[in-house]
Amino acid sequence: MEHGMLITSLQNERIKRMVALGQKSSLRRSEGVIVVEGRRELEHCLQCGHEVVAVYHCPALLDSTPACACPHYEVTREVYEKIAYRGSTEGVIAEVRPRQLTLDDLRLGEQPLMIVLEAVEKPGNLGAVLRSADAAHADAVVVCDPLTDLYNPNIIRSSIGAIFTVPCVACTSEECISYLKTNNIQILTAQLQDSLPYYDTDMRCGTAIVMGTESTGLTNQWRAAADRHIRIPMKGQLDSLNVSVSAAILLFEAVRQREKR
């Protein structure tokens, strides 16, 4: 009955709910829904089979929205700016029920390429890693013992929707190590100690590139589980790169090696 209605009040219950969903990860988890803002992000979400529950659209900011069979509400600019994370830059925001993938849901290629992040802290870093994983056509990104919500609005924004285009799983380190060993996927840990330059390591077989936080690196659990330890040689005075930059370098070394064979 409300399909296509115009919402003008900031006190509308639907608007209050959208504000709460954007701000509270506990509410998103308990209800199994997330907030997706932006036309491009919503298009990726739809293309990858996630269920869109409702769309809120500001005609003053965007002429049309991606087609989907769900309730659609027009809102005023004032209302949109209340619910939107990015202010008045996009014009469309949606409530979405995402597919929650597990390791067993992954459909890997013959020689899979994966990125594993241990205890990633910053949503912006995970978003950037997802963009690189999409560009390299990686099979999956696995986040072990996550310290941030996988569908944090910052991750959706910084990934430009790659959180939907790249299979992304959250699990424990123990579960991930067992999965990789069972599926004969070599574990390459990025670390400075006891390591070889990344370009001297064969990445043409099934490979999981494992990275830790910038502050503390990987735990001993991962170092012990590794088949090989790799490093990016540092020529300057600093001893580390941003994790998303490092992930991009290592992913595209794997791509380069695979394209040469």
Protein backbone atom coordinates (compact mmCIF):
# COMPACT_ATOMS: atom_id res chain seq x y z
CA MET A 1 0.00 0.00 0.00
CA GLU A 2 2.92 2.30 0.71
CA HIS A 3 4.70 1.48 -2.54
CA GLY A 4 5.70 4.74 -4.20
CA MET A 5 4.55 6.97 -1.34
CA LEU A 6 6.35 10.23 -0.59
CA ILE A 7 7.91 10.52 2.87
CA THR A 8 8.41 14.08 4.06
CA SER A 9 8.69 13.73 7.85
CA LEU A 10 11.90 13.06 9.76
CA GLN A 11 9.73 11.41 12.42
CA ASN A 12 8.39 8.76 10.04
CA GLU A 13 8.96 5.32 11.61
CA ARG A 14 10.63 3.99 8.46
CA ILE A 15 13.08 6.89 8.51
CA LYS A 16 13.86 6.37 12.18
CA ARG A 17 14.55 2.71 11.42
CA MET A 18 16.92 3.52 8.54
CA VAL A 19 18.85 5.95 10.73
CA ALA A 20 19.19 3.29 13.44
CA LEU A 21 20.32 0.63 10.96
CA GLY A 22 23.00 2.92 9.62
CA GLN A 23 24.33 3.66 13.08
CA LYS A 24 24.01 0.39 15.01
CA SER A 25 25.86 -2.74 13.95
CA SER A 26 24.05 -4.67 16.73
CA LEU A 27 20.69 -3.86 15.11
CA ARG A 28 21.96 -4.87 11.66
CA ARG A 29 23.18 -8.19 13.06
CA SER A 30 20.03 -8.94 15.06
CA GLU A 31 17.73 -8.23 12.11
CA GLY A 32 19.99 -9.63 9.40
CA VAL A 33 19.78 -6.50 7.24
CA ILE A 34 22.18 -3.80 6.11
CA VAL A 35 22.05 -0.35 4.53
CA VAL A 36 23.36 0.11 0.98
CA GLU A 37 23.80 3.65 -0.30
CA GLY A 38 24.56 4.74 -3.86
CA ARG A 39 23.34 3.70 -7.30
CA ARG A 40 26.48 1.80 -8.27
CA GLU A 41 26.63 -0.08 -4.97
CA LEU A 42 22.94 -0.99 -5.20
CA GLU A 43 23.36 -2.22 -8.78
CA HIS A 44 26.20 -4.54 -7.71
CA CYS A 45 24.07 -5.74 -4.81
CA LEU A 46 21.19 -6.63 -7.12
CA GLN A 47 23.39 -8.27 -9.75
CA CYS A 48 24.91 -10.55 -7.13
CA GLY A 49 21.58 -11.82 -5.85
CA HIS A 50 21.15 -10.08 -2.52
CA GLU A 51 17.58 -9.41 -1.40
CA VAL A 52 16.59 -5.74 -1.44
CA VAL A 53 13.90 -5.12 1.19
CA ALA A 54 13.09 -1.47 0.43
CA VAL A 55 14.48 1.43 -1.60
CA TYR A 56 14.43 5.11 -0.60
CA HIS A 57 14.94 7.53 -3.46
CA CYS A 58 15.32 11.32 -3.56
CA PRO A 59 14.15 12.53 -7.02
CA ALA A 60 15.87 15.87 -6.44
CA LEU A 61 19.23 14.08 -6.44
CA LEU A 62 18.72 11.14 -8.80
CA ASP A 63 16.31 10.73 -11.73
CA SER A 64 15.79 6.98 -11.44
CA THR A 65 16.87 3.96 -9.43
CA PRO A 66 17.89 0.40 -10.36
CA ALA A 67 14.82 -1.73 -11.01
CA CYS A 68 13.90 -4.20 -8.27
CA ALA A 69 10.71 -5.85 -7.08
CA CYS A 70 10.49 -4.32 -3.61
CA PRO A 71 8.71 -1.40 -1.92
CA HIS A 72 9.98 1.91 -3.20
CA TYR A 73 9.63 5.20 -1.29
CA GLU A 74 10.36 8.69 -2.49
CA VAL A 75 11.83 11.03 0.11
CA THR A 76 12.54 14.74 0.26
CA ARG A 77 16.10 16.05 0.22
CA GLU A 78 15.89 16.79 3.95
CA VAL A 79 14.77 13.27 4.75
CA TYR A 80 17.42 11.75 2.49
CA GLU A 81 20.18 13.73 4.15
CA LYS A 82 18.95 12.39 7.48
CA ILE A 83 19.24 8.73 6.51
CA ALA A 84 22.21 8.91 4.13
CA TYR A 85 25.75 8.27 5.26
CA ARG A 86 27.22 10.46 2.52
CA GLY A 87 24.83 13.35 2.72
CA SER A 88 23.29 14.55 -0.56
CA THR A 89 25.75 12.95 -2.98
CA GLU A 90 23.85 9.91 -4.29
CA GLY A 91 20.08 10.03 -4.02
CA VAL A 92 19.32 6.36 -3.35
CA ILE A 93 19.64 4.20 -0.27
CA ALA A 94 18.26 0.71 0.38
CA GLU A 95 17.60 -1.78 3.15
CA VAL A 96 19.08 -5.11 2.07
CA ARG A 97 19.09 -8.66 3.43
CA PRO A 98 22.52 -9.92 2.33
CA ARG A 99 23.56 -13.49 1.70
CA GLN A 100 25.72 -14.59 4.65
CA LEU A 101 28.37 -16.84 3.13
CA THR A 102 30.32 -19.54 4.94
CA LEU A 103 33.50 -21.27 3.80
CA ASP A 104 31.41 -24.21 2.57
CA ASP A 105 29.43 -21.84 0.32
CA LEU A 106 32.53 -20.84 -1.66
CA ARG A 107 32.72 -22.07 -5.25
CA LEU A 108 36.42 -21.98 -6.06
CA GLY A 109 38.13 -22.17 -9.41
CA GLU A 110 40.61 -24.89 -10.38
CA GLN A 111 43.58 -22.99 -8.94
CA PRO A 112 41.89 -20.57 -6.56
CA LEU A 113 43.35 -17.25 -5.49
CA MET A 114 42.26 -15.95 -2.11
CA ILE A 115 43.09 -13.16 0.28
CA VAL A 116 42.89 -13.89 4.00
CA LEU A 117 42.92 -11.02 6.49
CA GLU A 118 43.47 -11.70 10.17
CA ALA A 119 41.69 -9.37 12.61
CA VAL A 120 41.35 -6.49 10.16
CA GLU A 121 40.54 -3.33 12.11
CA LYS A 122 39.83 -0.51 9.68
CA PRO A 123 36.76 -0.64 7.41
CA GLY A 124 38.53 1.49 4.80
CA ASN A 125 41.35 -1.04 4.52
CA LEU A 126 38.98 -3.95 4.02
CA GLY A 127 37.05 -1.97 1.42
CA ALA A 128 40.24 -1.23 -0.52
CA VAL A 129 41.35 -4.88 -0.34
CA LEU A 130 37.98 -5.95 -1.73
CA ARG A 131 38.39 -3.57 -4.68
CA SER A 132 41.79 -5.08 -5.46
CA ALA A 133 40.38 -8.59 -5.09
CA ASP A 134 37.63 -7.74 -7.57
CA ALA A 135 40.14 -6.27 -10.02
CA ALA A 136 42.35 -9.38 -9.76
CA HIS A 137 39.28 -11.64 -10.02
CA ALA A 138 40.16 -13.37 -6.76
CA ASP A 139 37.94 -16.26 -5.72
CA ALA A 140 37.27 -14.96 -2.22
CA VAL A 141 38.27 -12.72 0.64
CA VAL A 142 38.21 -14.37 4.06
CA VAL A 143 38.23 -12.23 7.19
CA CYS A 144 39.37 -14.18 10.24
CA ASP A 145 38.39 -13.08 13.72
CA PRO A 146 37.04 -9.78 12.37
CA LEU A 147 37.12 -6.64 14.50
CA THR A 148 34.69 -4.85 12.22
CA ASP A 149 31.24 -5.61 10.76
CA LEU A 150 31.66 -6.95 7.20
CA TYR A 151 28.72 -4.82 6.07
CA ASN A 152 29.75 -1.67 7.90
CA PRO A 153 28.59 1.32 5.79
CA ASN A 154 32.24 2.41 5.56
CA ILE A 155 33.19 -0.93 3.98
CA ILE A 156 30.36 -0.79 1.45
CA ARG A 157 31.33 2.77 0.55
CA SER A 158 35.10 2.24 0.36
CA SER A 159 34.71 -1.00 -1.59
CA ILE A 160 32.36 0.71 -4.10
CA GLY A 161 30.21 -2.40 -3.93
CA ALA A 162 33.02 -4.99 -4.16
CA ILE A 163 31.73 -6.44 -0.88
CA PHE A 164 28.95 -7.82 -3.08
CA THR A 165 30.98 -8.80 -6.18
CA VAL A 166 33.70 -10.73 -4.31
CA PRO A 167 32.62 -13.66 -2.10
CA CYS A 168 33.48 -12.54 1.42
CA VAL A 169 33.41 -14.83 4.47
CA ALA A 170 33.98 -14.20 8.16
CA CYS A 171 35.25 -17.11 10.29
CA THR A 172 37.85 -18.04 12.88
CA SER A 173 41.50 -18.55 12.00
CA GLU A 174 41.20 -22.21 13.01
CA GLU A 175 38.31 -22.75 10.60
CA CYS A 176 40.13 -21.03 7.76
CA ILE A 177 43.39 -22.92 8.24
CA SER A 178 41.52 -26.24 8.29
CA TYR A 179 39.61 -25.28 5.13
CA LEU A 180 42.77 -24.29 3.24
CA LYS A 181 44.62 -27.46 4.25
CA THR A 182 41.64 -29.66 3.33
CA ASN A 183 41.39 -28.04 -0.11
CA ASN A 184 45.15 -28.17 -0.80
CA ILE A 185 45.46 -24.39 -1.05
CA GLN A 186 48.96 -23.19 -0.20
CA ILE A 187 49.20 -20.64 2.60
CA LEU A 188 51.52 -17.71 1.95
CA THR A 189 51.92 -15.42 4.96
CA ALA A 190 53.10 -11.87 4.38
CA GLN A 191 55.73 -11.17 7.03
CA LEU A 192 59.17 -9.63 7.35
CA GLN A 193 60.79 -12.41 9.39
CA ASP A 194 62.14 -15.61 7.83
CA SER A 195 60.66 -14.79 4.40
CA LEU A 196 61.47 -14.70 0.70
CA PRO A 197 60.68 -11.90 -1.78
CA TYR A 198 57.16 -12.38 -3.07
CA TYR A 199 58.28 -12.53 -6.72
CA ASP A 200 60.42 -15.61 -5.97
CA THR A 201 57.38 -17.59 -4.79
CA ASP A 202 55.23 -19.67 -7.14
CA MET A 203 51.61 -18.49 -6.94
CA ARG A 204 50.27 -20.40 -9.93
CA CYS A 205 48.72 -23.16 -7.82
CA GLY A 206 45.82 -22.70 -5.42
CA THR A 207 46.99 -19.87 -3.18
CA ALA A 208 45.82 -18.00 -0.11
CA ILE A 209 47.72 -14.79 0.64
CA VAL A 210 47.42 -14.14 4.37
CA MET A 211 47.93 -10.73 5.91
CA GLY A 212 47.70 -9.35 9.44
CA THR A 213 47.17 -5.93 10.93
CA GLU A 214 49.65 -3.15 10.21
CA SER A 215 50.34 -2.68 13.91
CA THR A 216 51.04 -6.25 15.04
CA GLY A 217 51.22 -8.37 11.88
CA LEU A 218 50.16 -12.01 11.88
CA THR A 219 49.82 -14.20 14.94
CA ASN A 220 52.07 -17.23 15.45
CA GLN A 221 49.13 -19.47 14.60
CA TRP A 222 49.23 -18.35 10.98
CA ARG A 223 53.01 -18.24 10.75
CA ALA A 224 53.16 -21.86 11.90
CA ALA A 225 50.43 -22.93 9.45
CA ALA A 226 52.12 -21.31 6.46
CA ASP A 227 53.63 -23.24 3.58
CA ARG A 228 55.83 -20.25 2.75
CA HIS A 229 56.56 -16.82 4.20
CA ILE A 230 56.79 -13.95 1.72
CA ARG A 231 57.70 -10.28 1.93
CA ILE A 232 57.63 -7.15 -0.17
CA PRO A 233 61.20 -5.79 -0.15
CA MET A 234 61.30 -2.34 1.44
CA LYS A 235 63.88 0.10 0.08
CA GLY A 236 63.09 3.08 2.30
CA GLN A 237 63.33 3.72 6.03
CA LEU A 238 59.89 2.35 6.93
CA ASP A 239 59.24 -1.35 7.40
CA SER A 240 55.61 -1.71 6.34
CA LEU A 241 53.04 -0.74 3.73
CA ASN A 242 49.33 -0.16 4.16
CA VAL A 243 47.66 -3.59 4.17
CA SER A 244 45.49 -2.74 1.16
CA VAL A 245 48.52 -1.63 -0.89
CA SER A 246 50.38 -4.80 0.07
CA ALA A 247 47.38 -6.94 -0.86
CA ALA A 248 47.18 -5.31 -4.30
CA ILE A 249 50.88 -5.91 -4.98
CA LEU A 250 50.69 -9.57 -4.00
CA LEU A 251 47.40 -10.24 -5.81
CA PHE A 252 48.68 -8.85 -9.08
CA GLU A 253 51.93 -10.78 -8.79
CA ALA A 254 49.75 -13.89 -8.73
CA VAL A 255 47.84 -12.59 -11.75
CA ARG A 256 51.11 -11.87 -13.60
CA GLN A 257 52.47 -15.35 -12.95
CA ARG A 258 49.25 -17.04 -14.02
CA GLU A 259 49.00 -15.04 -17.24
CA LYS A 260 52.57 -16.01 -18.21
CA ARG A 261 52.02 -19.75 -18.10
